[in-house]
Amino acid sequence: MPREVSPPPARSHAAGPLTRRADELSTRPDWARAILLLRLESGMTLRALSDATGIDLTVLSRYENGRRRPRPFNERRILHVLAGA
């Protein structure tokens, strides 16, 4: 006798990918949001920023996600590169 399988829970379309992305951005610390937005506005990829600053790609990702705060020296390196991009 076949087992009864319940359907997956209904998904709300109100919280689509763009809404989730905006929510993620709003929960980041100001400095993390600033680094991410400056990089996106400059048109640089994370890899290009990593190559230009000499800061490891993983470390830059952690900065942008708010999991790690850059030291002042690295912060200046990032801003210097993004200002010239």
C-alpha atoms as a PDB file:
ATOM      1  CA  MET A   1       0.000   0.000   0.000  1.00  0.00           C
ATOM      2  CA  PRO A   2       1.517   3.378  -0.981  1.00  0.00           C
ATOM      3  CA  ARG A   3       2.501   5.706   1.773  1.00  0.00           C
ATOM      4  CA  GLU A   4       0.777   9.080   1.877  1.00  0.00           C
ATOM      5  CA  VAL A   5       3.198  11.886   1.116  1.00  0.00           C
ATOM      6  CA  SER A   6       2.369  15.402   2.154  1.00  0.00           C
ATOM      7  CA  PRO A   7       3.087  18.213  -0.313  1.00  0.00           C
ATOM      8  CA  PRO A   8       5.962  20.588   0.372  1.00  0.00           C
ATOM      9  CA  PRO A   9       5.046  23.724   2.318  1.00  0.00           C
ATOM     10  CA  ALA A  10       3.748  26.580   0.204  1.00  0.00           C
ATOM     11  CA  ARG A  11       6.296  29.271  -0.496  1.00  0.00           C
ATOM     12  CA  SER A  12       5.481  32.894  -0.159  1.00  0.00           C
ATOM     13  CA  HIS A  13       6.352  34.834  -3.279  1.00  0.00           C
ATOM     14  CA  ALA A  14       6.362  38.074  -1.293  1.00  0.00           C
ATOM     15  CA  ALA A  15       9.893  37.384  -0.064  1.00  0.00           C
ATOM     16  CA  GLY A  16      11.552  36.706  -3.398  1.00  0.00           C
ATOM     17  CA  PRO A  17      15.291  36.747  -4.068  1.00  0.00           C
ATOM     18  CA  LEU A  18      15.481  40.542  -4.327  1.00  0.00           C
ATOM     19  CA  THR A  19      13.655  41.043  -1.057  1.00  0.00           C
ATOM     20  CA  ARG A  20      15.895  38.529   0.683  1.00  0.00           C
ATOM     21  CA  ARG A  21      18.968  40.243  -0.795  1.00  0.00           C
ATOM     22  CA  ALA A  22      17.786  43.632   0.478  1.00  0.00           C
ATOM     23  CA  ASP A  23      17.113  42.138   3.914  1.00  0.00           C
ATOM     24  CA  GLU A  24      20.598  40.621   3.991  1.00  0.00           C
ATOM     25  CA  LEU A  25      22.106  43.970   3.052  1.00  0.00           C
ATOM     26  CA  SER A  26      20.160  45.826   5.728  1.00  0.00           C
ATOM     27  CA  THR A  27      21.416  43.519   8.487  1.00  0.00           C
ATOM     28  CA  ARG A  28      25.098  44.081   7.693  1.00  0.00           C
ATOM     29  CA  PRO A  29      27.124  46.563   9.712  1.00  0.00           C
ATOM     30  CA  ASP A  30      27.501  49.977   8.037  1.00  0.00           C
ATOM     31  CA  TRP A  31      31.169  49.442   7.234  1.00  0.00           C
ATOM     32  CA  ALA A  32      30.487  46.070   5.585  1.00  0.00           C
ATOM     33  CA  ARG A  33      27.634  47.535   3.538  1.00  0.00           C
ATOM     34  CA  ALA A  34      29.859  50.456   2.494  1.00  0.00           C
ATOM     35  CA  ILE A  35      32.634  48.183   1.218  1.00  0.00           C
ATOM     36  CA  LEU A  36      30.172  46.050  -0.738  1.00  0.00           C
ATOM     37  CA  LEU A  37      28.328  49.006  -2.271  1.00  0.00           C
ATOM     38  CA  LEU A  38      31.531  50.836  -3.204  1.00  0.00           C
ATOM     39  CA  ARG A  39      32.853  47.716  -4.902  1.00  0.00           C
ATOM     40  CA  LEU A  40      29.617  47.146  -6.809  1.00  0.00           C
ATOM     41  CA  GLU A  41      29.433  50.812  -7.872  1.00  0.00           C
ATOM     42  CA  SER A  42      33.005  50.648  -9.131  1.00  0.00           C
ATOM     43  CA  GLY A  43      32.154  47.574 -11.214  1.00  0.00           C
ATOM     44  CA  MET A  44      34.925  45.484  -9.660  1.00  0.00           C
ATOM     45  CA  THR A  45      34.590  41.812  -8.888  1.00  0.00           C
ATOM     46  CA  LEU A  46      35.707  40.483  -5.545  1.00  0.00           C
ATOM     47  CA  ARG A  47      38.601  38.733  -7.295  1.00  0.00           C
ATOM     48  CA  ALA A  48      39.702  41.975  -9.002  1.00  0.00           C
ATOM     49  CA  LEU A  49      39.605  43.812  -5.673  1.00  0.00           C
ATOM     50  CA  SER A  50      41.604  41.005  -4.102  1.00  0.00           C
ATOM     51  CA  ASP A  51      44.235  41.207  -6.850  1.00  0.00           C
ATOM     52  CA  ALA A  52      44.440  45.004  -6.644  1.00  0.00           C
ATOM     53  CA  THR A  53      44.707  45.188  -2.840  1.00  0.00           C
ATOM     54  CA  GLY A  54      46.670  42.019  -2.155  1.00  0.00           C
ATOM     55  CA  ILE A  55      44.033  41.012   0.401  1.00  0.00           C
ATOM     56  CA  ASP A  56      42.878  37.399   0.237  1.00  0.00           C
ATOM     57  CA  LEU A  57      39.550  36.848  -1.519  1.00  0.00           C
ATOM     58  CA  THR A  58      38.113  34.997   1.486  1.00  0.00           C
ATOM     59  CA  VAL A  59      39.047  37.828   3.833  1.00  0.00           C
ATOM     60  CA  LEU A  60      37.402  40.410   1.555  1.00  0.00           C
ATOM     61  CA  SER A  61      34.259  38.296   1.445  1.00  0.00           C
ATOM     62  CA  ARG A  62      34.183  38.194   5.237  1.00  0.00           C
ATOM     63  CA  TYR A  63      34.550  41.977   5.336  1.00  0.00           C
ATOM     64  CA  GLU A  64      31.609  42.438   2.959  1.00  0.00           C
ATOM     65  CA  ASN A  65      29.444  39.955   4.845  1.00  0.00           C
ATOM     66  CA  GLY A  66      30.147  41.630   8.177  1.00  0.00           C
ATOM     67  CA  ARG A  67      31.810  38.559   9.681  1.00  0.00           C
ATOM     68  CA  ARG A  68      35.124  40.343  10.087  1.00  0.00           C
ATOM     69  CA  ARG A  69      36.056  43.993  10.402  1.00  0.00           C
ATOM     70  CA  PRO A  70      39.033  45.235   8.379  1.00  0.00           C
ATOM     71  CA  ARG A  71      42.002  46.692  10.204  1.00  0.00           C
ATOM     72  CA  PRO A  72      42.626  50.362   9.403  1.00  0.00           C
ATOM     73  CA  PHE A  73      45.542  49.529   7.084  1.00  0.00           C
ATOM     74  CA  ASN A  74      43.430  47.142   4.980  1.00  0.00           C
ATOM     75  CA  GLU A  75      40.491  49.533   5.058  1.00  0.00           C
ATOM     76  CA  ARG A  76      42.702  52.248   3.541  1.00  0.00           C
ATOM     77  CA  ARG A  77      44.003  49.831   0.885  1.00  0.00           C
ATOM     78  CA  ILE A  78      40.454  48.908  -0.120  1.00  0.00           C
ATOM     79  CA  LEU A  79      39.245  52.517  -0.229  1.00  0.00           C
ATOM     80  CA  HIS A  80      42.330  53.623  -2.166  1.00  0.00           C
ATOM     81  CA  VAL A  81      41.714  50.996  -4.860  1.00  0.00           C
ATOM     82  CA  LEU A  82      37.961  51.613  -5.035  1.00  0.00           C
ATOM     83  CA  ALA A  83      38.420  55.384  -5.226  1.00  0.00           C
ATOM     84  CA  GLY A  84      40.682  54.966  -8.232  1.00  0.00           C
ATOM     85  CA  ALA A  85      38.541  52.343  -9.993  1.00  0.00           C
END
